[in-house]
Amino acid sequence: MELRGRIALVTGAGHRVGRAIAVGLGARGMRVVVHYRSSPAEAEETARLVRDAGGEAAIVAGDLAEAGVPARVVGDAVGAFGGLDVLVNSAAVMERTPVGEVTEAQWDAMFAINLRAPFFAAQAAARAMGERGGAIVNMADLAAFETWTGYVPHGISKAGVVQMTRALAHALAPHVRVNAVAPGVVLLPTGWDEASADRLRRTTPLQRIGTPDDVVQAVLYLLESDFVTGEVLVVDGGRHVRK
């Protein structure tokens, strides 16, 4: 897909990796709809960075955990620029939840954002794209393939994203391609000290922690490669192949 001039919605684009993706798409000359939940100032900053990178930007708001909001956000994005070519489902939550302490409320909140919202956003986006077609990129996670005992519900939700990606790729072909990126650590979790960061570097085959730009490059590859669908691209410095 040639990206210049195309319209993209990036959910959770107010900060962190979502912001980097939005700016990366702006650098390709795209018209980017920046979605946020509760941080309008951060979304405005993302929009400014998108414009500075060479793209156009609009902003939409909505709590994707609420029923009906993912479809409404997609509709708002279509209204912003008159169509939709790309959806990047970046919005997600990750909380430490030791198995014995997980509550039903935590489970429901995590699955609402991490799995239910991207499904219904993709459903609405595919309708908006129609036979003209487009591309969807979901954010999975290395936790989908490993057993992180402190993050079991998160890992299960992201494993669902992997299966959802494969199923939607089949169901929406040939008009809409659906892929996913599964990052490892590309930003250190809040509260990590330097000793923890150094241990992570030493146990990663490529001997470094990733950056948001590593994820951006993967997203761009999946959007621009017209013969790739149903793929989950792991971006983790080789951690999934370590002994």
Protein backbone atom coordinates (compact mmCIF):
# COMPACT_ATOMS: atom_id res chain seq x y z
CA MET A 1 0.00 0.00 0.00
CA GLU A 2 1.24 3.46 -0.87
CA LEU A 3 0.71 5.39 2.36
CA ARG A 4 1.00 9.01 1.27
CA GLY A 5 -2.36 10.72 1.44
CA ARG A 6 -4.07 7.72 3.04
CA ILE A 7 -6.19 8.02 6.18
CA ALA A 8 -5.25 6.17 9.37
CA LEU A 9 -6.81 5.85 12.81
CA VAL A 10 -4.38 5.04 15.62
CA THR A 11 -6.02 4.18 18.94
CA GLY A 12 -4.22 5.03 22.15
CA ALA A 13 -2.06 7.53 20.26
CA GLY A 14 -1.69 10.08 23.03
CA HIS A 15 1.54 8.63 24.41
CA ARG A 16 4.18 5.91 24.35
CA VAL A 17 4.14 3.49 21.42
CA GLY A 18 0.82 4.72 20.05
CA ARG A 19 2.25 8.20 19.71
CA ALA A 20 5.35 6.88 17.94
CA ILE A 21 3.20 4.97 15.46
CA ALA A 22 1.04 8.02 14.73
CA VAL A 23 4.11 10.17 14.13
CA GLY A 24 5.69 7.48 11.96
CA LEU A 25 2.58 7.39 9.77
CA GLY A 26 2.63 11.17 9.60
CA ALA A 27 6.20 10.99 8.32
CA ARG A 28 4.86 8.88 5.44
CA GLY A 29 2.52 11.73 4.53
CA MET A 30 -0.61 10.15 5.95
CA ARG A 31 -3.66 11.84 7.41
CA VAL A 32 -3.69 10.51 10.96
CA VAL A 33 -6.63 10.45 13.36
CA VAL A 34 -5.22 10.48 16.88
CA HIS A 35 -7.43 8.69 19.39
CA TYR A 36 -7.20 9.26 23.12
CA ARG A 37 -9.25 8.33 26.19
CA SER A 38 -8.51 10.86 28.91
CA SER A 39 -5.44 12.94 28.01
CA PRO A 40 -6.42 15.69 25.55
CA ALA A 41 -3.17 17.60 26.05
CA GLU A 42 -1.12 14.53 25.16
CA ALA A 43 -3.28 13.92 22.08
CA GLU A 44 -2.78 17.53 20.99
CA GLU A 45 0.97 17.04 21.34
CA THR A 46 0.82 13.89 19.22
CA ALA A 47 -1.17 15.75 16.56
CA ARG A 48 1.43 18.52 16.53
CA LEU A 49 4.22 15.97 16.10
CA VAL A 50 2.32 14.30 13.25
CA ARG A 51 2.02 17.63 11.45
CA ASP A 52 5.68 18.45 12.10
CA ALA A 53 6.61 15.08 10.58
CA GLY A 54 4.77 15.95 7.35
CA GLY A 55 1.28 14.54 7.87
CA GLU A 56 -2.16 15.88 8.67
CA ALA A 57 -3.85 15.22 12.00
CA ALA A 58 -7.26 15.15 13.64
CA ILE A 59 -8.21 14.07 17.15
CA VAL A 60 -11.03 11.84 18.43
CA ALA A 61 -11.84 10.84 22.00
CA GLY A 62 -13.55 7.86 23.59
CA ASP A 63 -13.28 5.22 26.30
CA LEU A 64 -12.87 2.05 24.25
CA ALA A 65 -13.84 -0.08 27.25
CA GLU A 66 -17.44 1.12 26.89
CA ALA A 67 -19.80 -0.81 24.63
CA GLY A 68 -20.36 0.88 21.30
CA VAL A 69 -17.47 3.32 21.65
CA PRO A 70 -14.98 1.52 19.35
CA ALA A 71 -17.44 1.67 16.45
CA ARG A 72 -18.27 5.29 17.27
CA VAL A 73 -14.58 6.25 17.32
CA VAL A 74 -14.13 4.64 13.90
CA GLY A 75 -17.13 6.60 12.65
CA ASP A 76 -15.65 9.83 14.02
CA ALA A 77 -12.37 9.04 12.28
CA VAL A 78 -14.16 8.49 8.98
CA GLY A 79 -15.89 11.82 9.45
CA ALA A 80 -12.64 13.63 10.16
CA PHE A 81 -11.09 13.06 6.74
CA GLY A 82 -13.88 11.45 4.72
CA GLY A 83 -12.78 7.83 4.77
CA LEU A 84 -10.49 5.23 6.32
CA ASP A 85 -7.64 3.17 4.86
CA VAL A 86 -5.70 2.02 7.93
CA LEU A 87 -6.57 1.08 11.50
CA VAL A 88 -3.84 0.55 14.09
CA ASN A 89 -5.28 -0.94 17.28
CA SER A 90 -2.65 0.33 19.70
CA ALA A 91 -4.71 1.14 22.81
CA ALA A 92 -4.09 -1.39 25.60
CA VAL A 93 -3.62 -1.81 29.32
CA MET A 94 -0.99 -3.85 31.12
CA GLU A 95 -1.22 -4.31 34.87
CA ARG A 96 0.69 -6.59 37.17
CA THR A 97 -1.90 -9.11 38.36
CA PRO A 98 -0.52 -12.03 40.40
CA VAL A 99 -2.83 -15.01 39.87
CA GLY A 100 -4.09 -15.18 43.44
CA GLU A 101 -4.99 -11.49 43.47
CA VAL A 102 -6.80 -11.09 40.13
CA THR A 103 -10.31 -9.71 40.51
CA GLU A 104 -13.19 -10.11 38.12
CA ALA A 105 -13.26 -6.34 37.64
CA GLN A 106 -9.59 -6.34 36.61
CA TRP A 107 -10.18 -9.21 34.19
CA ASP A 108 -13.18 -7.56 32.56
CA ALA A 109 -11.46 -4.18 32.26
CA MET A 110 -8.36 -5.69 30.69
CA PHE A 111 -10.25 -7.78 28.17
CA ALA A 112 -12.55 -4.89 27.28
CA ILE A 113 -9.59 -2.77 26.18
CA ASN A 114 -7.12 -5.39 24.97
CA LEU A 115 -9.44 -7.72 23.06
CA ARG A 116 -13.06 -6.62 22.76
CA ALA A 117 -12.29 -3.06 21.67
CA PRO A 118 -9.89 -3.96 18.83
CA PHE A 119 -12.32 -6.55 17.51
CA PHE A 120 -15.24 -4.14 17.26
CA ALA A 121 -13.00 -1.35 15.97
CA ALA A 122 -11.80 -3.74 13.25
CA GLN A 123 -15.38 -4.74 12.46
CA ALA A 124 -16.39 -1.10 12.01
CA ALA A 125 -13.21 -0.26 10.10
CA ALA A 126 -13.72 -3.11 7.63
CA ARG A 127 -17.22 -1.83 6.91
CA ALA A 128 -15.87 1.68 6.36
CA MET A 129 -13.10 0.43 4.06
CA GLY A 130 -15.53 -1.63 1.99
CA GLU A 131 -14.41 -3.14 -1.29
CA ARG A 132 -11.86 -0.37 -1.75
CA GLY A 133 -9.97 -2.20 0.97
CA GLY A 134 -7.39 -1.26 3.54
CA ALA A 135 -5.19 -2.65 6.28
CA ILE A 136 -5.47 -3.29 10.00
CA VAL A 137 -2.53 -3.75 12.38
CA ASN A 138 -3.18 -5.01 15.90
CA MET A 139 -0.82 -4.73 18.85
CA ALA A 140 -0.20 -8.15 20.35
CA ASP A 141 2.61 -8.75 22.83
CA LEU A 142 5.44 -11.14 23.57
CA ALA A 143 3.31 -12.17 26.56
CA ALA A 144 0.99 -13.92 24.07
CA PHE A 145 3.71 -16.55 23.55
CA GLU A 146 5.32 -16.74 26.99
CA THR A 147 4.04 -17.43 30.51
CA TRP A 148 4.55 -14.31 32.59
CA THR A 149 3.19 -15.39 35.96
CA GLY A 150 2.65 -11.82 37.15
CA TYR A 151 0.64 -10.91 34.06
CA VAL A 152 -1.53 -13.94 33.28
CA PRO A 153 -4.75 -12.10 32.26
CA HIS A 154 -2.72 -9.72 30.10
CA GLY A 155 -1.01 -12.61 28.35
CA ILE A 156 -4.32 -14.38 27.74
CA SER A 157 -5.85 -11.21 26.28
CA LYS A 158 -2.88 -10.75 23.94
CA ALA A 159 -3.01 -14.41 22.89
CA GLY A 160 -6.60 -13.63 21.93
CA VAL A 161 -5.32 -10.75 19.80
CA VAL A 162 -3.06 -13.19 17.94
CA GLN A 163 -5.97 -15.53 17.18
CA MET A 164 -8.23 -12.60 16.32
CA THR A 165 -5.64 -11.34 13.84
CA ARG A 166 -5.43 -14.68 12.07
CA ALA A 167 -9.20 -15.14 12.00
CA LEU A 168 -9.92 -11.62 10.74
CA ALA A 169 -7.23 -11.92 8.09
CA HIS A 170 -9.10 -14.92 6.72
CA ALA A 171 -12.57 -13.46 7.12
CA LEU A 172 -11.81 -10.02 5.64
CA ALA A 173 -9.67 -11.12 2.68
CA PRO A 174 -9.19 -10.14 -0.08
CA HIS A 175 -10.14 -6.52 0.53
CA VAL A 176 -8.72 -5.92 4.02
CA ARG A 177 -5.37 -7.22 5.23
CA VAL A 178 -4.99 -7.88 8.96
CA ASN A 179 -1.65 -8.32 10.73
CA ALA A 180 -0.18 -7.79 14.18
CA VAL A 181 3.02 -6.72 15.87
CA ALA A 182 4.07 -8.46 19.09
CA PRO A 183 6.61 -6.24 20.85
CA GLY A 184 8.87 -7.28 23.64
CA VAL A 185 10.21 -4.56 25.92
CA VAL A 186 10.49 -1.40 23.83
CA LEU A 187 9.88 0.94 26.76
CA LEU A 188 10.78 0.05 30.33
CA PRO A 189 7.79 -0.50 32.60
CA THR A 190 7.18 2.21 35.18
CA GLY A 191 9.21 1.68 38.32
CA TRP A 192 12.00 -0.45 36.83
CA ASP A 193 15.47 0.34 38.17
CA GLU A 194 18.73 0.28 36.22
CA ALA A 195 19.71 -3.13 37.61
CA SER A 196 16.51 -4.65 36.22
CA ALA A 197 17.07 -2.93 32.89
CA ASP A 198 20.65 -4.20 32.71
CA ARG A 199 19.53 -7.77 33.47
CA LEU A 200 16.98 -7.51 30.67
CA ARG A 201 19.64 -6.33 28.22
CA ARG A 202 22.01 -9.15 29.14
CA THR A 203 19.33 -11.82 28.68
CA THR A 204 18.19 -10.52 25.28
CA PRO A 205 20.05 -12.05 22.31
CA LEU A 206 20.51 -8.66 20.62
CA GLN A 207 21.81 -7.24 23.91
CA ARG A 208 19.60 -4.17 24.06
CA ILE A 209 16.16 -2.94 25.02
CA GLY A 210 14.00 -2.00 22.08
CA THR A 211 12.60 1.42 21.20
CA PRO A 212 9.18 2.55 19.98
CA ASP A 213 10.77 3.11 16.56
CA ASP A 214 11.41 -0.63 16.31
CA VAL A 215 7.64 -1.13 16.52
CA VAL A 216 6.99 1.70 14.05
CA GLN A 217 9.22 0.05 11.46
CA ALA A 218 7.33 -3.22 11.87
CA VAL A 219 3.97 -1.47 11.47
CA LEU A 220 5.16 0.30 8.32
CA TYR A 221 6.37 -2.99 6.83
CA LEU A 222 3.02 -4.65 7.45
CA LEU A 223 1.11 -1.71 5.97
CA GLU A 224 3.27 -1.39 2.88
CA SER A 225 3.57 -5.12 2.09
CA ASP A 226 0.51 -5.97 0.03
CA PHE A 227 1.09 -9.75 0.01
CA VAL A 228 1.25 -10.17 3.80
CA THR A 229 -1.84 -10.94 5.87
CA GLY A 230 -2.52 -13.02 8.97
CA GLU A 231 1.05 -12.47 10.17
CA VAL A 232 2.23 -11.71 13.71
CA LEU A 233 5.63 -10.02 13.62
CA VAL A 234 7.54 -10.44 16.88
CA VAL A 235 9.77 -7.45 17.69
CA ASP A 236 11.65 -8.42 20.83
CA GLY A 237 15.39 -8.53 20.14
CA GLY A 238 15.25 -12.32 19.96
CA ARG A 239 13.91 -12.99 23.47
CA HIS A 240 11.39 -15.53 22.15
CA VAL A 241 14.24 -17.72 20.83
CA ARG A 242 16.53 -17.53 23.87
CA LYS A 243 17.23 -20.65 25.89
